[in-house]
Amino acid sequence: MNLFAQTLHHHQTGDFEQALAGYQALLADDQDNPQLNYLLALLFFEKGKLDEAAHWFTRVVTVAPEAAPAYYNLGIIFFEQGDYPRAAQAYEEAAKLCPEDGDIFFNLALTRKKLGQFDKAFSCYQKVLAITPDAEDVLYNLGVLCKDLHHHADAIWFLEKVVTNNPDHAQALNNLGYLYHLEREVDKAIATYQKLIALDHNAIMAGHMLAALTGQATAMAPDTYIRKVFDSFSEHYDDSMVDKLGYSIPSQLRAMLVGQDSHHFPFTLDMGCGTGLSGEAFQDLTEKLIGLDLSPKMLEVAGKKGLYDSLHETDICSFLEESTTSFDFFLAADVFIYIGDLRDIFTLVKERAAVGGTFLFSTELADQGFCLKPMGRYGHAESYIRNLAQETGFSVVKVVAANIRKEKEEWIEGKLYLLRA
């Protein structure tokens, strides 16, 4: 058996060291051999040594520019490493050489989406469909892409096609439930949520939304639902909320402090801090800023901003029950829309409040008491807040009407409250 055959046998049987030594010996006599360069690159790739694999795949395309598989594998490596511009470039080269290969265009579409190049991603998916009509993964990804672009009618069309071919496609149903709900196609949304519960896919979210659409009374949104929602929004939360939905509650809440005796707080608790939009608005007013949130990915974004002295992945009541710190300022910007019954929170805030402590928060509107609204958020009546404040030992200093955020280009109305312990 010659050296090449021996080396190939070592490679195929998983003997990495012997295969590596064999390829190196062979390349010493024939360094520009594209097959040897490719096999060595593949050996490193299979062992997860991506930098070495990329080096040798690059050698392949240098000596053999028509080697489409080498470009394709470079695309996979760069995508895995998060180098999306180089991944896109590699996939583009592979696509030029193999214009009928749907896998290349599918991966290129995923890469273009990572780069925020949604139109180019859409075009790539369409090329895949031209090659393999009715490809389920492509239809699904086109639906999600259209959803992300807020082209809801197109998103529904693609996702419904997926479900027509595969009625139990849970991810497609999950997205359709959200879109039907958002577009106020209530009967379709209810049926889709019921299907998700039957499939036991994202059933907690589906149950919460089903309760919202059918008028059921619940005390708060499930923690797992909140965590999943905000984990999924974390990368684009700031842009989506501020630029697209007109969200400015942190700055509106800060304006509530104008004319008050104290503008400086030694200890501040930001309850539901999210990505830190509220922390940005109040950081200069406090010596120590503590943030709470249920979403680890939102906390990761907040942590990178360097605003908080500490961040905690927990719910409000659990933190307050365990804490022994007295806080001068409690902040809840757009948090109570996920909690209906606020009695426990008010009671615990009062227990942890320093004398004269400030409690500043926003709510959406309700006619009376609190209610779970059709879009899955809670509203609170002003009379409910005032009664609860009185019962738990707070004085209501100021109440201001506010536009919370936009929904289908219409403002969601709410109120801002400044309470003092």
Protein backbone atom coordinates (compact mmCIF):
# COMPACT_ATOMS: atom_id res chain seq x y z
CA MET A 1 0.00 0.00 0.00
CA ASN A 2 1.51 3.36 -1.04
CA LEU A 3 1.72 6.40 1.28
CA PHE A 4 -1.37 8.12 -0.16
CA ALA A 5 -3.52 5.03 0.30
CA GLN A 6 -2.18 4.52 3.83
CA THR A 7 -2.83 8.18 4.72
CA LEU A 8 -6.35 8.05 3.31
CA HIS A 9 -7.01 4.88 5.32
CA HIS A 10 -5.80 6.60 8.52
CA HIS A 11 -8.05 9.57 7.73
CA GLN A 12 -11.10 7.39 7.11
CA THR A 13 -10.56 5.37 10.27
CA GLY A 14 -10.12 8.48 12.45
CA ASP A 15 -6.39 8.16 13.13
CA PHE A 16 -5.73 11.90 13.12
CA GLU A 17 -2.01 11.89 13.96
CA GLN A 18 -1.06 9.30 11.36
CA ALA A 19 -3.22 10.99 8.70
CA LEU A 20 -1.71 14.39 9.50
CA ALA A 21 1.83 13.03 9.24
CA GLY A 22 1.00 11.33 5.95
CA TYR A 23 -0.52 14.43 4.33
CA GLN A 24 2.42 16.56 5.47
CA ALA A 25 4.88 14.09 3.97
CA LEU A 26 2.97 13.96 0.70
CA LEU A 27 2.69 17.76 0.51
CA ALA A 28 6.42 18.14 1.07
CA ASP A 29 6.90 16.63 -2.40
CA ASP A 30 3.79 18.19 -4.02
CA GLN A 31 2.80 21.33 -2.10
CA ASP A 32 0.42 22.68 -4.75
CA ASN A 33 -1.58 19.49 -5.14
CA PRO A 34 -5.21 20.66 -4.67
CA GLN A 35 -6.47 17.21 -3.64
CA LEU A 36 -3.87 16.87 -0.88
CA ASN A 37 -4.50 20.42 0.34
CA TYR A 38 -8.24 19.74 0.38
CA LEU A 39 -7.93 16.46 2.26
CA LEU A 40 -5.67 18.04 4.88
CA ALA A 41 -8.15 20.92 5.25
CA LEU A 42 -10.95 18.40 5.63
CA LEU A 43 -8.99 16.53 8.30
CA PHE A 44 -8.65 19.69 10.40
CA PHE A 45 -12.29 20.61 9.72
CA GLU A 46 -13.52 17.23 10.94
CA LYS A 47 -11.48 17.63 14.13
CA GLY A 48 -12.99 21.07 14.78
CA LYS A 49 -9.67 22.84 14.21
CA LEU A 50 -11.30 25.62 12.23
CA ASP A 51 -8.39 28.05 11.92
CA GLU A 52 -6.13 25.35 10.50
CA ALA A 53 -8.92 24.12 8.22
CA ALA A 54 -9.51 27.65 6.91
CA HIS A 55 -5.79 28.01 6.17
CA TRP A 56 -5.69 24.87 4.05
CA PHE A 57 -9.04 25.47 2.29
CA THR A 58 -7.66 28.89 1.37
CA ARG A 59 -4.60 27.12 -0.04
CA VAL A 60 -6.93 24.97 -2.13
CA VAL A 61 -8.69 27.93 -3.78
CA THR A 62 -5.33 29.59 -4.34
CA VAL A 63 -4.01 26.67 -6.37
CA ALA A 64 -7.41 25.61 -7.75
CA PRO A 65 -9.76 28.65 -8.03
CA GLU A 66 -12.55 26.45 -9.42
CA ALA A 67 -12.75 24.33 -6.24
CA ALA A 68 -16.32 25.15 -5.17
CA PRO A 69 -16.38 22.73 -2.17
CA ALA A 70 -13.41 24.56 -0.64
CA TYR A 71 -15.23 27.90 -0.90
CA TYR A 72 -18.35 26.28 0.55
CA ASN A 73 -16.45 24.92 3.54
CA LEU A 74 -14.76 28.28 4.07
CA GLY A 75 -18.24 29.77 4.23
CA ILE A 76 -19.24 27.26 6.91
CA ILE A 77 -16.11 27.97 8.94
CA PHE A 78 -16.39 31.76 8.79
CA PHE A 79 -20.10 31.60 9.65
CA GLU A 80 -19.33 29.37 12.63
CA GLN A 81 -16.69 31.87 13.75
CA GLY A 82 -19.11 34.79 13.41
CA ASP A 83 -17.14 36.35 10.53
CA TYR A 84 -20.21 36.89 8.38
CA PRO A 85 -18.67 39.20 5.74
CA ARG A 86 -16.02 36.59 4.88
CA ALA A 87 -18.61 33.81 5.02
CA ALA A 88 -20.77 35.68 2.53
CA GLN A 89 -17.81 36.24 0.23
CA ALA A 90 -16.90 32.53 0.32
CA TYR A 91 -20.48 31.42 -0.37
CA GLU A 92 -20.72 33.93 -3.24
CA GLU A 93 -17.64 32.38 -4.86
CA ALA A 94 -19.10 28.90 -4.42
CA ALA A 95 -22.41 30.05 -5.92
CA LYS A 96 -20.68 31.44 -9.01
CA LEU A 97 -19.13 28.03 -9.61
CA CYS A 98 -22.27 26.01 -8.74
CA PRO A 99 -25.31 28.18 -9.60
CA GLU A 100 -27.67 25.19 -9.33
CA ASP A 101 -26.66 24.20 -5.80
CA GLY A 102 -29.52 25.14 -3.49
CA ASP A 103 -27.53 24.45 -0.30
CA ILE A 104 -25.05 27.19 -1.18
CA PHE A 105 -27.78 29.77 -1.68
CA PHE A 106 -29.57 28.63 1.48
CA ASN A 107 -26.44 29.16 3.57
CA LEU A 108 -25.75 32.44 1.80
CA ALA A 109 -29.26 33.58 2.69
CA LEU A 110 -28.66 32.77 6.37
CA THR A 111 -25.42 34.74 6.21
CA ARG A 112 -27.01 37.74 4.49
CA LYS A 113 -29.67 37.79 7.19
CA LYS A 114 -26.99 37.82 9.90
CA LEU A 115 -25.47 40.83 8.13
CA GLY A 116 -28.83 42.60 8.13
CA GLN A 117 -28.96 42.38 4.32
CA PHE A 118 -32.59 41.24 4.25
CA ASP A 119 -33.30 42.00 0.60
CA LYS A 120 -30.27 39.97 -0.49
CA ALA A 121 -31.29 37.15 1.87
CA PHE A 122 -34.77 37.14 0.35
CA SER A 123 -33.28 36.92 -3.15
CA CYS A 124 -31.12 33.95 -2.13
CA TYR A 125 -34.08 32.08 -0.71
CA GLN A 126 -36.00 32.69 -3.93
CA LYS A 127 -33.12 31.14 -5.88
CA VAL A 128 -33.35 28.06 -3.69
CA LEU A 129 -37.08 27.82 -4.37
CA ALA A 130 -36.39 28.06 -8.10
CA ILE A 131 -34.10 25.05 -7.72
CA THR A 132 -36.25 23.09 -5.25
CA PRO A 133 -39.86 24.37 -5.32
CA ASP A 134 -41.85 24.05 -2.08
CA ALA A 135 -38.72 23.35 0.00
CA GLU A 136 -40.08 23.45 3.56
CA ASP A 137 -37.02 25.01 5.21
CA VAL A 138 -36.88 27.74 2.59
CA LEU A 139 -40.58 28.59 2.84
CA TYR A 140 -40.27 28.71 6.62
CA ASN A 141 -37.21 30.94 6.55
CA LEU A 142 -38.86 33.25 4.02
CA GLY A 143 -41.84 33.51 6.34
CA VAL A 144 -39.66 34.40 9.32
CA LEU A 145 -37.67 36.87 7.24
CA CYS A 146 -40.85 38.62 6.10
CA LYS A 147 -42.06 38.67 9.71
CA ASP A 148 -38.81 40.34 10.79
CA LEU A 149 -39.25 42.88 7.98
CA HIS A 150 -42.82 43.52 9.21
CA HIS A 151 -44.23 42.30 5.87
CA HIS A 152 -46.90 40.39 7.74
CA ALA A 153 -49.15 39.43 4.82
CA ASP A 154 -46.20 37.86 2.96
CA ALA A 155 -45.00 36.16 6.14
CA ILE A 156 -48.41 34.60 6.71
CA TRP A 157 -48.54 33.42 3.08
CA PHE A 158 -45.21 31.59 3.29
CA LEU A 159 -45.88 30.12 6.74
CA GLU A 160 -49.37 28.97 5.81
CA LYS A 161 -47.83 27.15 2.84
CA VAL A 162 -45.49 25.36 5.26
CA VAL A 163 -48.39 24.34 7.49
CA THR A 164 -50.48 23.22 4.50
CA ASN A 165 -47.74 20.76 3.61
CA ASN A 166 -46.88 19.91 7.24
CA PRO A 167 -49.78 20.63 9.64
CA ASP A 168 -47.61 19.84 12.69
CA HIS A 169 -44.73 22.20 11.83
CA ALA A 170 -44.51 23.68 15.32
CA GLN A 171 -42.16 26.60 14.54
CA ALA A 172 -44.32 27.75 11.63
CA LEU A 173 -47.43 27.52 13.80
CA ASN A 174 -45.69 29.47 16.54
CA ASN A 175 -44.92 32.33 14.17
CA LEU A 176 -48.39 32.17 12.63
CA GLY A 177 -50.01 32.45 16.05
CA TYR A 178 -48.01 35.62 16.71
CA LEU A 179 -48.84 37.09 13.29
CA TYR A 180 -52.56 36.24 13.43
CA HIS A 181 -52.69 37.78 16.89
CA LEU A 182 -50.88 40.92 15.78
CA GLU A 183 -53.13 41.29 12.74
CA ARG A 184 -56.18 40.75 14.95
CA GLU A 185 -57.29 37.61 13.13
CA VAL A 186 -58.63 36.37 16.44
CA ASP A 187 -60.26 33.10 15.38
CA LYS A 188 -57.16 31.97 13.52
CA ALA A 189 -54.93 33.00 16.42
CA ILE A 190 -57.05 31.05 18.93
CA ALA A 191 -57.04 27.93 16.74
CA THR A 192 -53.26 28.18 16.27
CA TYR A 193 -52.57 28.60 19.98
CA GLN A 194 -54.80 25.60 20.71
CA LYS A 195 -52.82 23.58 18.16
CA LEU A 196 -49.53 24.60 19.79
CA ILE A 197 -50.84 23.49 23.19
CA ALA A 198 -51.90 20.15 21.68
CA LEU A 199 -48.39 19.76 20.20
CA ASP A 200 -46.85 20.83 23.54
CA HIS A 201 -44.73 23.39 21.69
CA ASN A 202 -44.25 26.72 23.46
CA ALA A 203 -47.41 25.79 25.32
CA ILE A 204 -46.86 28.29 28.16
CA MET A 205 -46.74 31.20 25.72
CA ALA A 206 -49.72 29.82 23.81
CA GLY A 207 -51.71 29.41 27.02
CA HIS A 208 -50.99 33.00 28.08
CA MET A 209 -52.00 34.39 24.70
CA LEU A 210 -55.07 32.19 24.59
CA ALA A 211 -56.09 33.59 27.97
CA ALA A 212 -55.61 37.12 26.63
CA LEU A 213 -57.80 36.48 23.59
CA THR A 214 -60.56 34.65 25.45
CA GLY A 215 -60.87 37.10 28.34
CA GLN A 216 -59.51 34.85 31.08
CA ALA A 217 -58.33 36.54 34.28
CA THR A 218 -54.72 35.79 35.26
CA ALA A 219 -52.51 37.45 37.88
CA MET A 220 -49.33 37.70 35.80
CA ALA A 221 -47.56 36.44 32.69
CA PRO A 222 -45.52 33.25 33.22
CA ASP A 223 -41.82 33.81 33.88
CA THR A 224 -40.81 31.37 31.15
CA TYR A 225 -42.93 33.25 28.62
CA ILE A 226 -41.36 36.60 29.54
CA ARG A 227 -37.86 35.11 29.46
CA LYS A 228 -38.36 33.57 26.02
CA VAL A 229 -39.94 36.69 24.52
CA PHE A 230 -37.16 39.01 25.65
CA ASP A 231 -34.35 36.58 24.92
CA SER A 232 -35.57 36.53 21.32
CA PHE A 233 -35.76 40.35 21.12
CA SER A 234 -32.49 41.12 22.90
CA GLU A 235 -30.27 41.70 19.84
CA HIS A 236 -32.56 44.30 18.28
CA TYR A 237 -34.58 45.44 21.29
CA ASP A 238 -33.24 48.99 21.55
CA ASP A 239 -33.65 49.74 17.84
CA SER A 240 -37.09 48.14 17.66
CA MET A 241 -38.46 49.90 20.74
CA VAL A 242 -36.99 53.35 20.19
CA ASP A 243 -36.89 53.71 16.41
CA LYS A 244 -39.88 51.65 15.32
CA LEU A 245 -42.27 51.84 18.28
CA GLY A 246 -41.48 55.35 19.52
CA TYR A 247 -40.65 54.13 23.02
CA SER A 248 -39.45 56.88 25.35
CA ILE A 249 -40.78 55.86 28.76
CA PRO A 250 -37.42 56.17 30.58
CA SER A 251 -37.04 59.82 29.57
CA GLN A 252 -40.72 60.49 30.32
CA LEU A 253 -40.29 58.95 33.77
CA ARG A 254 -37.21 61.05 34.41
CA ALA A 255 -39.23 64.17 33.61
CA MET A 256 -41.57 63.16 36.46
CA LEU A 257 -38.79 64.06 38.90
CA VAL A 258 -38.58 67.67 37.76
CA GLY A 259 -39.71 69.95 40.59
CA GLN A 260 -39.27 67.27 43.25
CA ASP A 261 -37.12 67.88 46.32
CA SER A 262 -34.62 65.08 45.65
CA HIS A 263 -32.92 64.27 42.37
CA HIS A 264 -30.16 62.12 43.82
CA PHE A 265 -30.48 58.57 45.13
CA PRO A 266 -27.79 56.58 46.95
CA PHE A 267 -29.34 53.17 46.10
CA THR A 268 -31.52 52.53 43.03
CA LEU A 269 -33.28 49.31 42.02
CA ASP A 270 -34.19 49.06 38.33
CA MET A 271 -36.88 46.37 38.34
CA GLY A 272 -37.05 44.85 34.86
CA CYS A 273 -34.01 46.66 33.53
CA GLY A 274 -33.97 44.91 30.15
CA THR A 275 -31.12 46.12 27.95
CA GLY A 276 -30.50 49.11 30.20
CA LEU A 277 -32.57 51.80 28.46
CA SER A 278 -33.92 52.84 31.86
CA GLY A 279 -30.46 52.69 33.42
CA GLU A 280 -29.16 55.07 30.76
CA ALA A 281 -31.82 57.60 31.73
CA PHE A 282 -31.13 57.49 35.49
CA GLN A 283 -27.51 56.45 35.96
CA ASP A 284 -26.30 59.97 36.73
CA LEU A 285 -28.90 60.34 39.50
CA THR A 286 -27.72 57.44 41.62
CA GLU A 287 -24.57 56.29 43.38
CA LYS A 288 -25.38 52.57 43.14
CA LEU A 289 -27.58 51.10 40.41
CA ILE A 290 -28.88 47.52 40.66
CA GLY A 291 -30.72 45.86 37.76
CA LEU A 292 -33.12 42.91 37.71
CA ASP A 293 -34.48 41.01 34.74
CA LEU A 294 -35.74 37.53 33.87
CA SER A 295 -34.01 37.44 30.48
CA PRO A 296 -30.32 36.47 30.56
CA LYS A 297 -29.80 37.75 27.03
CA MET A 298 -31.26 41.16 27.88
CA LEU A 299 -29.00 41.27 30.94
CA GLU A 300 -26.02 40.42 28.73
CA VAL A 301 -26.75 43.47 26.57
CA ALA A 302 -27.24 45.65 29.66
CA GLY A 303 -23.99 44.42 31.14
CA LYS A 304 -22.01 45.51 28.09
CA LYS A 305 -23.19 49.10 28.61
CA GLY A 306 -21.38 49.33 31.94
CA LEU A 307 -24.25 51.15 33.64
CA TYR A 308 -25.03 48.84 36.56
CA ASP A 309 -23.11 48.01 39.70
CA SER A 310 -24.73 44.57 39.66
CA LEU A 311 -27.26 42.67 37.55
CA HIS A 312 -29.48 39.82 38.74
CA GLU A 313 -31.40 37.25 36.70
CA THR A 314 -34.49 36.97 38.88
CA ASP A 315 -38.06 38.13 39.34
CA ILE A 316 -38.89 41.22 41.38
CA CYS A 317 -40.59 39.53 44.33
CA SER A 318 -37.87 36.90 44.81
CA PHE A 319 -35.17 39.56 44.86
CA LEU A 320 -37.02 41.81 47.29
CA GLU A 321 -37.84 38.90 49.60
CA GLU A 322 -34.17 37.94 49.84
CA SER A 323 -32.64 41.42 49.88
CA THR A 324 -31.68 43.20 53.09
CA THR A 325 -30.81 46.48 51.34
CA SER A 326 -32.88 49.63 51.78
CA PHE A 327 -33.38 51.38 48.44
CA ASP A 328 -34.05 55.08 47.95
CA PHE A 329 -35.40 54.72 44.43
CA PHE A 330 -37.43 51.96 42.75
CA LEU A 331 -37.88 52.12 38.98
CA ALA A 332 -40.18 49.98 36.82
CA ALA A 333 -40.25 51.24 33.24
CA ASP A 334 -42.71 49.26 31.11
CA VAL A 335 -42.53 46.33 33.53
CA PHE A 336 -45.99 46.11 35.06
CA ILE A 337 -47.53 45.39 31.65
CA TYR A 338 -46.50 41.77 32.40
CA ILE A 339 -47.85 41.70 35.94
CA GLY A 340 -51.52 42.08 36.72
CA ASP A 341 -51.77 41.80 40.49
CA LEU A 342 -49.25 44.30 41.91
CA ARG A 343 -50.09 43.85 45.58
CA ASP A 344 -47.09 41.68 46.49
CA ILE A 345 -44.68 43.97 44.66
CA PHE A 346 -46.05 47.13 46.30
CA THR A 347 -45.86 45.48 49.73
CA LEU A 348 -42.26 44.32 49.23
CA VAL A 349 -41.16 47.64 47.75
CA LYS A 350 -42.55 49.40 50.81
CA GLU A 351 -40.68 47.00 53.10
CA ARG A 352 -37.37 47.62 51.29
CA ALA A 353 -37.86 51.37 50.85
CA ALA A 354 -35.80 53.88 52.79
CA VAL A 355 -37.77 56.61 54.53
CA GLY A 356 -39.22 58.84 51.83
CA GLY A 357 -38.18 56.36 49.13
CA THR A 358 -39.34 57.09 45.59
CA PHE A 359 -41.30 54.56 43.50
CA LEU A 360 -41.55 55.49 39.80
CA PHE A 361 -43.29 53.34 37.18
CA SER A 362 -45.47 53.17 34.09
CA THR A 363 -48.65 51.23 33.32
CA GLU A 364 -51.02 50.72 30.44
CA LEU A 365 -54.64 51.70 30.92
CA ALA A 366 -57.56 49.61 32.15
CA ASP A 367 -61.13 50.63 32.89
CA GLN A 368 -61.11 49.16 36.38
CA GLY A 369 -58.81 47.07 38.55
CA PHE A 370 -56.30 45.23 36.40
CA CYS A 371 -56.95 43.13 33.32
CA LEU A 372 -55.15 40.97 30.78
CA LYS A 373 -55.58 42.79 27.48
CA PRO A 374 -56.03 41.07 24.09
CA MET A 375 -52.39 41.53 23.08
CA GLY A 376 -51.16 39.67 26.17
CA ARG A 377 -50.18 42.69 28.29
CA TYR A 378 -51.82 43.93 31.50
CA GLY A 379 -53.52 47.25 32.06
CA HIS A 380 -54.18 48.96 35.40
CA ALA A 381 -56.81 51.52 36.29
CA GLU A 382 -55.66 54.64 38.12
CA SER A 383 -58.14 53.87 40.90
CA TYR A 384 -56.47 50.47 41.37
CA ILE A 385 -53.02 52.05 41.71
CA ARG A 386 -54.27 54.73 44.12
CA ASN A 387 -56.09 52.23 46.32
CA LEU A 388 -53.12 49.88 46.38
CA ALA A 389 -50.74 52.73 47.19
CA GLN A 390 -52.88 53.79 50.13
CA GLU A 391 -53.19 50.22 51.44
CA THR A 392 -49.44 49.56 51.29
CA GLY A 393 -48.21 52.88 52.69
CA PHE A 394 -47.38 55.05 49.69
CA SER A 395 -48.49 58.58 48.89
CA VAL A 396 -49.29 59.36 45.25
CA VAL A 397 -47.21 62.42 44.38
CA LYS A 398 -47.84 62.73 40.66
CA VAL A 399 -49.79 60.96 37.88
CA VAL A 400 -49.26 61.83 34.21
CA ALA A 401 -50.88 60.45 31.05
CA ALA A 402 -48.37 59.03 28.58
CA ASN A 403 -48.00 57.37 25.20
CA ILE A 404 -46.28 54.07 26.00
CA ARG A 405 -45.37 52.76 22.55
CA LYS A 406 -46.89 52.31 19.11
CA GLU A 407 -48.82 49.25 18.01
CA LYS A 408 -49.87 49.08 14.35
CA GLU A 409 -48.96 52.78 14.10
CA GLU A 410 -51.33 53.71 16.94
CA TRP A 411 -50.21 54.84 20.39
CA ILE A 412 -50.82 52.59 23.37
CA GLU A 413 -52.05 54.88 26.14
CA GLY A 414 -50.85 54.60 29.70
CA LYS A 415 -49.96 56.51 32.83
CA LEU A 416 -46.81 57.33 34.76
CA TYR A 417 -46.83 57.30 38.56
CA LEU A 418 -44.55 58.90 41.12
CA LEU A 419 -45.14 57.43 44.60
CA ARG A 420 -43.34 58.09 47.85
CA ALA A 421 -42.99 55.78 50.84
